[in-house]
Amino acid sequence: MWMLWLMLLLLSSLAAASSSNVKPGSGCQEKCGHVTVPYPFGIDNSMCAMNKNFFLNCSRGDSPPKLMIGDLEVFNLSIENGSMIASISTAHRCYDGLGNRNSDYNDPYVKLGNRPLRFSDTRNKLTAIGCDTSAYMGDPNGSFWTGCISMCTNESAKLNESSCSGIGCCQTPLPKSLKSLNLTLRSVYDHEDMGKFMPCDYAILADETFNIAEFQASEDKSSSNVTIEWVVREKKCPDDPNSKVYGCGDYTTCYYSENGQGYRCKCKPGFQGNPYLGCVDVTVPYPFGIDDHMCAMNKNFFLNCSRRDSPLKLMIGELEVFNLSIEIGSMIASIFTSRRCYDGLGKRSSHFNNPSVSLGSRPLRFSDTRNKLTAIGCDTLAYMGDPDGSFWSGCISICTNESAKLNESSCSGIGCCQTPLPKSLKSLELTLRSVHNHEDMGEFMPCDYALLADETFNIAEFRASDDKSSSNVTI
């Protein structure tokens, strides 16, 4: 097993080094601290994001690490809502009992830059807290200014300390398409006689989760949470609904944001998944379950849906699952093949030998009636065995150039051989050997293969395939 692990690690390292494009799921980190980072967003490697607009920074020097977009900390990313929750600074001005200002942080400036981002006009509001308070928000270039005023006495402020109805607290909505703003505080009467019961005024951009009572009770009033909406591009959807849309995966549709120009992607009806990776019609019948352990009969039937792959992959351990049958109590999964390739002189040019597969402690078995060990080659010994040595079995395929051609679409022992599996098999290792060191075979049969394949296996299709790294088995 440790040899297999080393081989897999080496192969993956070589693949990463030779590739000019890292795909989501291929070594891309999915979490920064407590925040999940779904595609099209990415961290650590810019190739893990759809483009530079969706590349975020994970500040790992903090404890816990902070997910950052520019200068803003991000607490949540939603694919379904096309939004993120971030933190921005509040404006504040504090006074002593005589109305003298003793501290302030006014006119904080927030800019979302050139990314396709907007402050949500439906989920955020400018909120002002104080009893002699004028709060304004405006675009720094002066395209708009708006605000609200909160006036109150000592008694009226106490009556409304948990509401925001204009006494001690006021709110006003945001315009659409807002990408940057200033928050500004002013006092109507220079805060005279207000310092004793309302020492500070605040101007806050806060989303629908804002609670004035919690804010007033909090020791840290320096920031608030806002909802920021994002789109794939600030462009139109194609006129043809069947056209390929930039950023959208398979089985998706393009729809418009209601907050300014731009579009997002969503799965077509009947499909599910991350629309930026591709949606699939995934049917997982009970007793199996995904996403939540409570959806399965027990832990043995809990499967993983790898949502960063395109299309999504249904996984049981390290095996990808393509079908689950309740009627016959089976599943179709994919496992690695064993291979050894040679040059024309019989020298081994590449190999991936001895892949090991274990079904673990789950109540699973390789089907003894639907699977066979299959060997393909003209100087080939293929073995399968339990890693603990409880059994070994195999078959031999010997042929010449001409005989191999005669049997290129069958598996009768010339160029291809098969042998059945024992019952109750839970783990195995596939091993290849050469009878005559593959002399004179490289030109017409450069590679040998050992694979566990089910009854759907077709040798002609396998030989014609560009990808011979895996085969389907029935479990």
Protein backbone atom coordinates (compact mmCIF):
# COMPACT_ATOMS: atom_id res chain seq x y z
CA MET A 1 0.00 0.00 0.00
CA TRP A 2 2.79 2.44 0.84
CA MET A 3 4.40 1.76 -2.53
CA LEU A 4 1.09 2.53 -4.24
CA TRP A 5 0.81 5.73 -2.23
CA LEU A 6 4.31 6.81 -3.30
CA MET A 7 3.54 6.02 -6.91
CA LEU A 8 0.30 8.00 -6.84
CA LEU A 9 2.07 10.91 -5.16
CA LEU A 10 4.82 10.89 -7.77
CA LEU A 11 2.37 10.73 -10.65
CA SER A 12 0.27 13.56 -9.26
CA SER A 13 3.38 15.69 -8.70
CA LEU A 14 4.56 15.12 -12.26
CA ALA A 15 1.12 15.92 -13.62
CA ALA A 16 0.99 19.16 -11.62
CA ALA A 17 4.45 20.18 -12.77
CA SER A 18 3.70 19.57 -16.45
CA SER A 19 0.26 21.15 -16.45
CA SER A 20 -0.25 24.80 -17.31
CA ASN A 21 -3.77 24.90 -15.95
CA VAL A 22 -4.86 23.79 -12.48
CA LYS A 23 -8.50 22.70 -12.46
CA PRO A 24 -10.77 23.09 -9.43
CA GLY A 25 -10.49 20.04 -7.26
CA SER A 26 -6.94 19.27 -8.41
CA GLY A 27 -5.13 20.38 -5.26
CA CYS A 28 -7.21 23.53 -4.84
CA GLN A 29 -7.92 24.43 -1.22
CA GLU A 30 -11.63 24.60 -0.37
CA LYS A 31 -11.45 26.27 3.05
CA CYS A 32 -9.86 29.31 4.62
CA GLY A 33 -10.26 29.09 8.37
CA HIS A 34 -13.95 28.38 8.95
CA VAL A 35 -15.09 29.65 5.53
CA THR A 36 -15.78 27.32 2.59
CA VAL A 37 -14.52 28.73 -0.71
CA PRO A 38 -16.61 27.26 -3.59
CA TYR A 39 -15.71 27.65 -7.25
CA PRO A 40 -15.76 30.11 -9.12
CA PHE A 41 -13.84 31.55 -6.16
CA GLY A 42 -10.37 30.29 -5.37
CA ILE A 43 -7.52 30.82 -2.91
CA ASP A 44 -3.74 30.21 -2.78
CA ASN A 45 -3.43 29.52 -6.53
CA SER A 46 -5.00 31.98 -8.98
CA MET A 47 -5.65 29.10 -11.39
CA CYS A 48 -8.13 27.68 -8.87
CA ALA A 49 -10.49 30.62 -9.51
CA MET A 50 -12.55 31.31 -12.65
CA ASN A 51 -10.49 34.44 -13.25
CA LYS A 52 -8.66 37.14 -11.29
CA ASN A 53 -11.95 38.73 -10.19
CA PHE A 54 -12.75 35.64 -8.11
CA PHE A 55 -9.32 35.08 -6.61
CA LEU A 56 -9.34 35.75 -2.85
CA ASN A 57 -6.58 35.90 -0.28
CA CYS A 58 -6.38 33.59 2.73
CA SER A 59 -4.52 35.41 5.49
CA ARG A 60 -3.01 32.37 7.19
CA GLY A 61 -0.95 34.51 9.56
CA ASP A 62 -4.15 35.21 11.51
CA SER A 63 -5.68 32.76 13.97
CA PRO A 64 -8.04 31.56 12.67
CA PRO A 65 -7.08 32.42 9.05
CA LYS A 66 -9.09 35.22 7.46
CA LEU A 67 -10.60 35.13 3.99
CA MET A 68 -10.03 38.52 2.38
CA ILE A 69 -11.25 40.27 -0.76
CA GLY A 70 -9.11 43.37 -0.98
CA ASP A 71 -9.29 44.98 2.47
CA LEU A 72 -12.59 43.31 3.43
CA GLU A 73 -12.87 40.16 5.51
CA VAL A 74 -15.34 37.63 4.06
CA PHE A 75 -17.41 35.33 6.32
CA ASN A 76 -19.60 33.53 3.80
CA LEU A 77 -19.81 32.85 0.06
CA SER A 78 -23.12 31.77 -1.46
CA ILE A 79 -23.38 30.23 -4.93
CA GLU A 80 -27.17 29.98 -4.75
CA ASN A 81 -27.71 33.65 -3.86
CA GLY A 82 -24.76 35.10 -5.76
CA SER A 83 -23.62 36.89 -2.63
CA MET A 84 -20.99 37.17 0.08
CA ILE A 85 -21.06 38.46 3.64
CA ALA A 86 -18.19 40.83 4.44
CA SER A 87 -17.18 43.25 7.17
CA ILE A 88 -16.75 47.02 6.73
CA SER A 89 -15.86 49.78 9.17
CA THR A 90 -18.50 51.91 10.86
CA ALA A 91 -18.30 55.69 11.29
CA HIS A 92 -18.49 56.92 14.88
CA ARG A 93 -18.22 60.14 16.88
CA CYS A 94 -18.15 60.10 20.68
CA TYR A 95 -18.70 62.98 23.13
CA ASP A 96 -18.23 63.72 26.80
CA GLY A 97 -21.03 64.85 29.11
CA LEU A 98 -20.61 68.48 27.98
CA GLY A 99 -20.98 67.71 24.30
CA ASN A 100 -17.27 67.95 23.52
CA ARG A 101 -16.06 65.44 20.94
CA ASN A 102 -13.44 63.17 22.50
CA SER A 103 -13.00 60.59 19.70
CA ASP A 104 -14.19 59.97 16.20
CA TYR A 105 -13.66 57.82 13.11
CA ASN A 106 -15.54 59.56 10.36
CA ASP A 107 -15.85 59.21 6.59
CA PRO A 108 -14.73 55.58 6.19
CA TYR A 109 -14.37 54.84 2.50
CA VAL A 110 -15.23 51.43 1.02
CA LYS A 111 -14.46 50.55 -2.59
CA LEU A 112 -15.22 47.23 -4.31
CA GLY A 113 -12.93 48.06 -7.22
CA ASN A 114 -13.19 46.71 -10.75
CA ARG A 115 -14.51 43.30 -9.76
CA PRO A 116 -18.12 42.49 -10.77
CA LEU A 117 -19.39 43.26 -7.25
CA ARG A 118 -22.18 45.48 -5.88
CA PHE A 119 -23.50 46.31 -2.42
CA SER A 120 -26.89 44.61 -2.21
CA ASP A 121 -29.66 47.19 -2.52
CA THR A 122 -32.29 44.81 -1.10
CA ARG A 123 -30.37 43.35 1.86
CA ASN A 124 -28.42 46.36 3.16
CA LYS A 125 -29.48 49.66 4.69
CA LEU A 126 -27.69 52.73 5.94
CA THR A 127 -28.34 52.70 9.67
CA ALA A 128 -27.72 55.66 11.99
CA ILE A 129 -27.71 55.33 15.78
CA GLY A 130 -27.79 58.42 17.98
CA CYS A 131 -29.96 61.19 19.39
CA ASP A 132 -28.51 64.18 17.54
CA THR A 133 -27.38 62.40 14.45
CA SER A 134 -27.28 63.01 10.73
CA ALA A 135 -25.82 60.04 8.80
CA TYR A 136 -24.98 60.20 5.12
CA MET A 137 -23.70 57.82 2.52
CA GLY A 138 -22.41 58.89 -0.85
CA ASP A 139 -20.34 57.87 -3.80
CA PRO A 140 -16.92 59.51 -3.49
CA ASN A 141 -17.25 60.94 -7.00
CA GLY A 142 -20.40 62.79 -5.93
CA SER A 143 -22.90 60.92 -8.10
CA PHE A 144 -25.29 60.57 -5.18
CA TRP A 145 -25.80 61.43 -1.50
CA THR A 146 -28.55 60.26 0.82
CA GLY A 147 -29.04 59.75 4.52
CA CYS A 148 -31.32 59.86 7.54
CA ILE A 149 -31.68 61.86 10.76
CA SER A 150 -32.27 60.54 14.27
CA MET A 151 -33.39 62.96 16.98
CA CYS A 152 -34.51 62.03 20.50
CA THR A 153 -34.49 62.93 24.18
CA ASN A 154 -33.26 60.81 27.05
CA GLU A 155 -36.69 59.30 27.68
CA SER A 156 -37.64 58.65 24.07
CA ALA A 157 -34.28 57.00 23.38
CA LYS A 158 -34.85 54.55 26.23
CA LEU A 159 -38.29 53.68 24.93
CA ASN A 160 -36.89 52.66 21.53
CA GLU A 161 -33.51 51.18 22.40
CA SER A 162 -34.34 47.88 20.64
CA SER A 163 -36.01 49.25 17.49
CA CYS A 164 -35.00 51.40 14.56
CA SER A 165 -38.05 53.54 13.90
CA GLY A 166 -36.46 56.99 13.79
CA ILE A 167 -36.07 57.64 17.52
CA GLY A 168 -32.49 56.86 18.47
CA CYS A 169 -32.07 54.93 15.23
CA CYS A 170 -32.99 55.52 11.57
CA GLN A 171 -32.51 53.63 8.34
CA THR A 172 -32.59 54.30 4.61
CA PRO A 173 -32.15 51.94 1.61
CA LEU A 174 -29.29 51.85 -0.88
CA PRO A 175 -29.45 52.64 -4.60
CA LYS A 176 -28.77 49.88 -7.14
CA SER A 177 -25.34 49.25 -8.68
CA LEU A 178 -23.43 50.81 -5.78
CA LYS A 179 -19.73 49.88 -5.91
CA SER A 180 -18.20 52.39 -3.50
CA LEU A 181 -19.30 54.74 -0.74
CA ASN A 182 -18.37 57.09 2.09
CA LEU A 183 -20.10 57.01 5.48
CA THR A 184 -20.33 60.43 7.14
CA LEU A 185 -21.69 61.60 10.52
CA ARG A 186 -22.84 65.06 11.50
CA SER A 187 -24.48 66.53 14.62
CA VAL A 188 -27.45 68.89 14.30
CA TYR A 189 -27.02 70.59 17.70
CA ASP A 190 -23.36 69.76 18.36
CA HIS A 191 -24.56 66.96 20.64
CA GLU A 192 -25.37 69.27 23.51
CA ASP A 193 -26.72 67.48 26.62
CA MET A 194 -26.55 64.10 24.87
CA GLY A 195 -23.24 62.77 26.18
CA LYS A 196 -24.63 61.34 29.42
CA PHE A 197 -27.14 58.86 27.99
CA MET A 198 -26.01 58.57 24.32
CA PRO A 199 -22.28 59.24 24.27
CA CYS A 200 -21.62 58.03 20.69
CA ASP A 201 -23.25 58.35 17.27
CA TYR A 202 -22.78 55.68 14.59
CA ALA A 203 -23.27 55.42 10.83
CA ILE A 204 -23.37 51.81 9.71
CA LEU A 205 -23.94 49.97 6.47
CA ALA A 206 -25.54 46.77 7.72
CA ASP A 207 -27.46 43.89 6.19
CA GLU A 208 -30.75 42.29 7.19
CA THR A 209 -29.15 40.40 10.09
CA PHE A 210 -28.40 43.65 11.95
CA ASN A 211 -29.90 43.86 15.43
CA ILE A 212 -29.73 47.21 17.22
CA ALA A 213 -29.94 45.67 20.70
CA GLU A 214 -27.04 43.33 19.97
CA PHE A 215 -25.04 46.22 18.49
CA GLN A 216 -25.63 48.42 21.54
CA ALA A 217 -24.62 45.58 23.87
CA SER A 218 -21.49 44.76 21.89
CA GLU A 219 -18.10 45.95 23.12
CA ASP A 220 -16.75 46.11 19.56
CA LYS A 221 -18.74 48.53 17.41
CA SER A 222 -15.95 49.16 14.89
CA SER A 223 -17.46 47.13 12.05
CA SER A 224 -20.65 45.64 10.67
CA ASN A 225 -21.63 42.88 8.27
CA VAL A 226 -22.83 43.76 4.78
CA THR A 227 -24.12 41.69 1.87
CA ILE A 228 -22.22 42.06 -1.39
CA GLU A 229 -23.67 40.62 -4.60
CA TRP A 230 -21.53 39.28 -7.45
CA VAL A 231 -22.05 38.31 -11.08
CA VAL A 232 -19.96 36.30 -13.51
CA ARG A 233 -19.60 39.18 -15.92
CA GLU A 234 -21.15 42.60 -16.26
CA LYS A 235 -22.53 41.60 -19.66
CA LYS A 236 -25.71 40.21 -21.20
CA CYS A 237 -26.79 36.59 -21.57
CA PRO A 238 -26.68 35.27 -25.16
CA ASP A 239 -29.87 35.66 -27.18
CA ASP A 240 -29.77 31.94 -27.98
CA PRO A 241 -30.56 30.04 -24.75
CA ASN A 242 -28.64 27.03 -26.09
CA SER A 243 -25.42 28.98 -26.59
CA LYS A 244 -22.41 28.27 -24.42
CA VAL A 245 -22.15 30.95 -21.73
CA TYR A 246 -18.80 32.04 -20.31
CA GLY A 247 -18.38 30.78 -16.76
CA CYS A 248 -21.43 28.47 -16.82
CA GLY A 249 -21.02 24.68 -16.75
CA ASP A 250 -23.09 21.92 -18.35
CA TYR A 251 -26.89 21.81 -17.93
CA THR A 252 -27.14 25.40 -16.71
CA THR A 253 -28.97 28.55 -17.68
CA CYS A 254 -27.93 32.19 -17.61
CA TYR A 255 -30.00 34.73 -15.66
CA TYR A 256 -29.68 38.41 -14.84
CA SER A 257 -28.88 40.09 -11.56
CA GLU A 258 -31.52 42.57 -10.41
CA ASN A 259 -28.84 44.82 -8.96
CA GLY A 260 -27.19 46.40 -11.98
CA GLN A 261 -25.76 44.86 -15.13
CA GLY A 262 -24.48 41.30 -15.21
CA TYR A 263 -25.47 37.63 -15.19
CA ARG A 264 -25.12 34.52 -13.05
CA CYS A 265 -25.55 30.79 -13.72
CA LYS A 266 -28.02 28.31 -12.26
CA CYS A 267 -28.79 24.63 -12.79
CA LYS A 268 -31.56 23.71 -15.19
CA PRO A 269 -34.74 22.25 -13.64
CA GLY A 270 -34.15 18.68 -12.52
CA PHE A 271 -30.38 19.12 -12.18
CA GLN A 272 -28.24 20.02 -9.20
CA GLY A 273 -24.70 20.99 -8.32
CA ASN A 274 -22.40 23.96 -8.65
CA PRO A 275 -23.53 25.64 -11.90
CA TYR A 276 -20.06 27.08 -12.45
CA LEU A 277 -18.62 23.56 -12.56
CA GLY A 278 -21.56 21.82 -14.20
CA CYS A 279 -24.84 20.35 -13.01
CA VAL A 280 -25.84 16.70 -13.08
CA ASP A 281 -28.93 14.61 -12.51
CA VAL A 282 -27.66 12.80 -9.41
CA THR A 283 -30.05 10.22 -8.01
CA VAL A 284 -28.97 8.78 -4.65
CA PRO A 285 -31.69 6.41 -3.35
CA TYR A 286 -32.11 5.54 0.31
CA PRO A 287 -30.47 3.75 2.21
CA PHE A 288 -27.65 5.80 0.64
CA GLY A 289 -27.34 9.50 1.36
CA ILE A 290 -25.14 12.51 0.66
CA ASP A 291 -24.40 15.92 2.29
CA ASP A 292 -25.93 15.01 5.65
CA HIS A 293 -25.17 11.77 7.53
CA MET A 294 -28.77 11.70 8.73
CA CYS A 295 -29.93 11.19 5.13
CA ALA A 296 -28.34 7.71 5.03
CA MET A 297 -29.37 4.57 6.91
CA ASN A 298 -26.02 4.64 8.72
CA LYS A 299 -22.42 5.66 8.13
CA ASN A 300 -21.83 2.67 5.83
CA PHE A 301 -24.25 4.15 3.28
CA PHE A 302 -23.09 7.77 3.46
CA LEU A 303 -21.49 8.91 0.19
CA ASN A 304 -19.63 12.07 -0.75
CA CYS A 305 -20.64 14.38 -3.61
CA SER A 306 -17.46 16.05 -4.86
CA ARG A 307 -18.97 19.39 -5.88
CA ARG A 308 -15.73 21.02 -7.06
CA ASP A 309 -15.41 18.59 -9.94
CA SER A 310 -17.01 19.26 -13.31
CA PRO A 311 -19.28 17.42 -13.64
CA LEU A 312 -19.92 16.49 -10.01
CA LYS A 313 -18.60 13.14 -8.81
CA LEU A 314 -20.35 10.74 -6.45
CA MET A 315 -17.67 9.09 -4.31
CA ILE A 316 -17.51 6.15 -1.91
CA GLY A 317 -14.12 6.46 -0.30
CA GLU A 318 -11.69 6.95 -3.19
CA LEU A 319 -13.95 5.29 -5.78
CA GLU A 320 -16.19 7.23 -8.13
CA VAL A 321 -19.74 5.80 -8.32
CA PHE A 322 -21.81 5.94 -11.53
CA ASN A 323 -24.90 3.96 -10.62
CA LEU A 324 -26.74 2.70 -7.52
CA SER A 325 -29.28 -0.10 -7.87
CA ILE A 326 -31.66 -0.87 -5.03
CA GLU A 327 -33.31 -3.70 -6.97
CA ILE A 328 -30.19 -5.83 -7.41
CA GLY A 329 -28.16 -4.45 -4.49
CA SER A 330 -25.22 -3.19 -6.53
CA MET A 331 -23.26 -0.13 -7.59
CA ILE A 332 -21.02 0.61 -10.57
CA ALA A 333 -17.71 2.21 -9.60
CA SER A 334 -14.37 3.03 -11.21
CA ILE A 335 -10.98 1.58 -10.19
CA PHE A 336 -7.45 2.00 -11.54
CA THR A 337 -5.97 -0.36 -14.12
CA SER A 338 -2.44 -1.74 -13.94
CA ARG A 339 -0.24 -1.04 -16.99
CA ARG A 340 3.31 -1.55 -18.28
CA CYS A 341 4.44 0.05 -21.56
CA TYR A 342 7.52 -0.75 -23.64
CA ASP A 343 9.49 0.72 -26.52
CA GLY A 344 10.20 -1.16 -29.73
CA LEU A 345 13.24 -2.84 -28.17
CA GLY A 346 11.30 -4.24 -25.26
CA LYS A 347 12.55 -1.72 -22.72
CA ARG A 348 9.94 -0.55 -20.23
CA SER A 349 9.09 3.09 -20.93
CA SER A 350 6.37 3.63 -18.32
CA HIS A 351 4.34 1.69 -15.81
CA PHE A 352 1.70 1.91 -13.14
CA ASN A 353 1.68 -1.45 -11.48
CA ASN A 354 0.16 -3.04 -8.37
CA PRO A 355 -2.83 -0.71 -7.80
CA SER A 356 -4.60 -1.80 -4.61
CA VAL A 357 -8.31 -1.36 -3.92
CA SER A 358 -9.99 -1.86 -0.55
CA LEU A 359 -13.71 -1.57 0.17
CA GLY A 360 -12.96 -1.12 3.86
CA SER A 361 -15.29 -2.12 6.66
CA ARG A 362 -18.51 -1.26 4.79
CA PRO A 363 -20.79 -4.20 3.87
CA LEU A 364 -19.50 -4.27 0.28
CA ARG A 365 -18.05 -7.00 -1.98
CA PHE A 366 -16.72 -7.12 -5.53
CA SER A 367 -19.31 -9.06 -7.53
CA ASP A 368 -18.01 -12.56 -8.33
CA THR A 369 -20.60 -13.10 -11.09
CA ARG A 370 -20.35 -9.77 -12.92
CA ASN A 371 -16.62 -8.97 -12.75
CA LYS A 372 -13.60 -10.68 -14.24
CA LEU A 373 -9.87 -10.11 -14.07
CA THR A 374 -8.98 -9.10 -17.62
CA ALA A 375 -5.46 -9.03 -19.08
CA ILE A 376 -4.64 -7.35 -22.40
CA GLY A 377 -1.28 -7.94 -24.07
CA CYS A 378 0.82 -10.40 -26.07
CA ASP A 379 3.44 -11.29 -23.46
CA THR A 380 1.37 -10.85 -20.37
CA LEU A 381 0.84 -12.45 -16.98
CA ALA A 382 -1.88 -10.72 -14.95
CA TYR A 383 -2.55 -11.54 -11.29
CA MET A 384 -5.05 -10.45 -8.73
CA GLY A 385 -4.62 -11.12 -5.07
CA ASP A 386 -5.72 -10.10 -1.63
CA PRO A 387 -2.98 -7.82 -0.18
CA ASP A 388 -2.81 -10.02 2.93
CA GLY A 389 -1.93 -13.04 0.73
CA SER A 390 -5.09 -15.08 1.33
CA PHE A 391 -5.37 -15.82 -2.41
CA TRP A 392 -3.73 -15.25 -5.80
CA SER A 393 -5.16 -15.98 -9.24
CA GLY A 394 -4.53 -14.86 -12.81
CA CYS A 395 -4.36 -15.56 -16.53
CA ILE A 396 -1.78 -15.52 -19.32
CA SER A 397 -2.04 -14.00 -22.80
CA ILE A 398 0.58 -14.93 -25.41
CA CYS A 399 0.38 -14.00 -29.09
CA THR A 400 2.22 -12.87 -32.18
CA ASN A 401 1.59 -9.82 -34.29
CA GLU A 402 -0.71 -11.70 -36.65
CA SER A 403 -2.68 -13.62 -34.04
CA ALA A 404 -3.25 -10.46 -32.04
CA LYS A 405 -4.81 -8.78 -35.05
CA LEU A 406 -7.13 -11.73 -35.61
CA ASN A 407 -8.56 -11.39 -32.13
CA GLU A 408 -8.55 -7.64 -31.54
CA SER A 409 -12.27 -7.52 -30.69
CA SER A 410 -12.53 -10.67 -28.50
CA CYS A 411 -11.07 -11.92 -25.22
CA SER A 412 -10.47 -15.61 -25.86
CA GLY A 413 -6.87 -15.96 -24.71
CA ILE A 414 -5.04 -14.44 -27.68
CA GLY A 415 -4.19 -10.84 -26.90
CA CYS A 416 -6.71 -10.89 -24.07
CA CYS A 417 -7.56 -13.34 -21.28
CA GLN A 418 -10.03 -13.38 -18.40
CA THR A 419 -10.54 -15.26 -15.14
CA PRO A 420 -13.39 -15.04 -12.58
CA LEU A 421 -13.23 -13.65 -9.04
CA PRO A 422 -13.67 -15.55 -5.80
CA LYS A 423 -16.68 -14.86 -3.60
CA SER A 424 -16.63 -12.38 -0.69
CA LEU A 425 -13.70 -10.37 -2.12
CA LYS A 426 -13.31 -7.00 -0.32
CA SER A 427 -9.82 -5.97 -1.41
CA LEU A 428 -7.34 -6.81 -4.13
CA GLU A 429 -4.12 -5.87 -5.85
CA LEU A 430 -3.57 -6.02 -9.62
CA THR A 431 -0.11 -7.09 -10.82
CA LEU A 432 1.45 -7.40 -14.29
CA ARG A 433 4.42 -9.49 -15.38
CA SER A 434 6.05 -10.27 -18.73
CA VAL A 435 6.80 -13.85 -19.83
CA HIS A 436 9.58 -13.03 -22.30
CA ASN A 437 10.47 -9.48 -21.21
CA HIS A 438 8.21 -8.17 -23.97
CA GLU A 439 10.82 -8.72 -26.69
CA ASP A 440 9.62 -7.74 -30.19
CA MET A 441 6.18 -6.73 -28.88
CA GLY A 442 6.60 -2.96 -28.52
CA GLU A 443 5.81 -2.06 -32.11
CA PHE A 444 2.34 -3.63 -32.34
CA MET A 445 1.41 -4.10 -28.65
CA PRO A 446 3.31 -1.41 -26.72
CA CYS A 447 1.38 -1.74 -23.47
CA ASP A 448 0.05 -4.52 -21.26
CA TYR A 449 -2.95 -4.00 -18.97
CA ALA A 450 -4.49 -5.77 -16.01
CA LEU A 451 -7.93 -4.58 -15.05
CA LEU A 452 -10.95 -5.62 -13.07
CA ALA A 453 -13.90 -5.09 -15.38
CA ASP A 454 -17.58 -5.94 -15.26
CA GLU A 455 -19.85 -7.47 -17.87
CA THR A 456 -20.15 -4.21 -19.81
CA PHE A 457 -16.44 -4.29 -20.72
CA ASN A 458 -15.71 -4.18 -24.46
CA ILE A 459 -12.13 -4.81 -25.53
CA ALA A 460 -12.50 -2.94 -28.83
CA GLU A 461 -13.80 0.16 -27.04
CA PHE A 462 -11.00 -0.11 -24.48
CA ARG A 463 -8.32 -0.31 -27.18
CA ALA A 464 -9.82 2.68 -29.01
CA SER A 465 -10.07 4.79 -25.85
CA ASP A 466 -7.56 7.56 -25.14
CA ASP A 467 -7.97 7.04 -21.40
CA LYS A 468 -7.09 3.54 -20.22
CA SER A 469 -6.35 4.51 -16.63
CA SER A 470 -9.52 3.02 -15.10
CA SER A 471 -12.31 0.53 -15.62
CA ASN A 472 -15.85 0.03 -14.31
CA VAL A 473 -16.58 -2.70 -11.78
CA THR A 474 -19.74 -3.95 -10.11
CA ILE A 475 -19.77 -3.88 -6.30
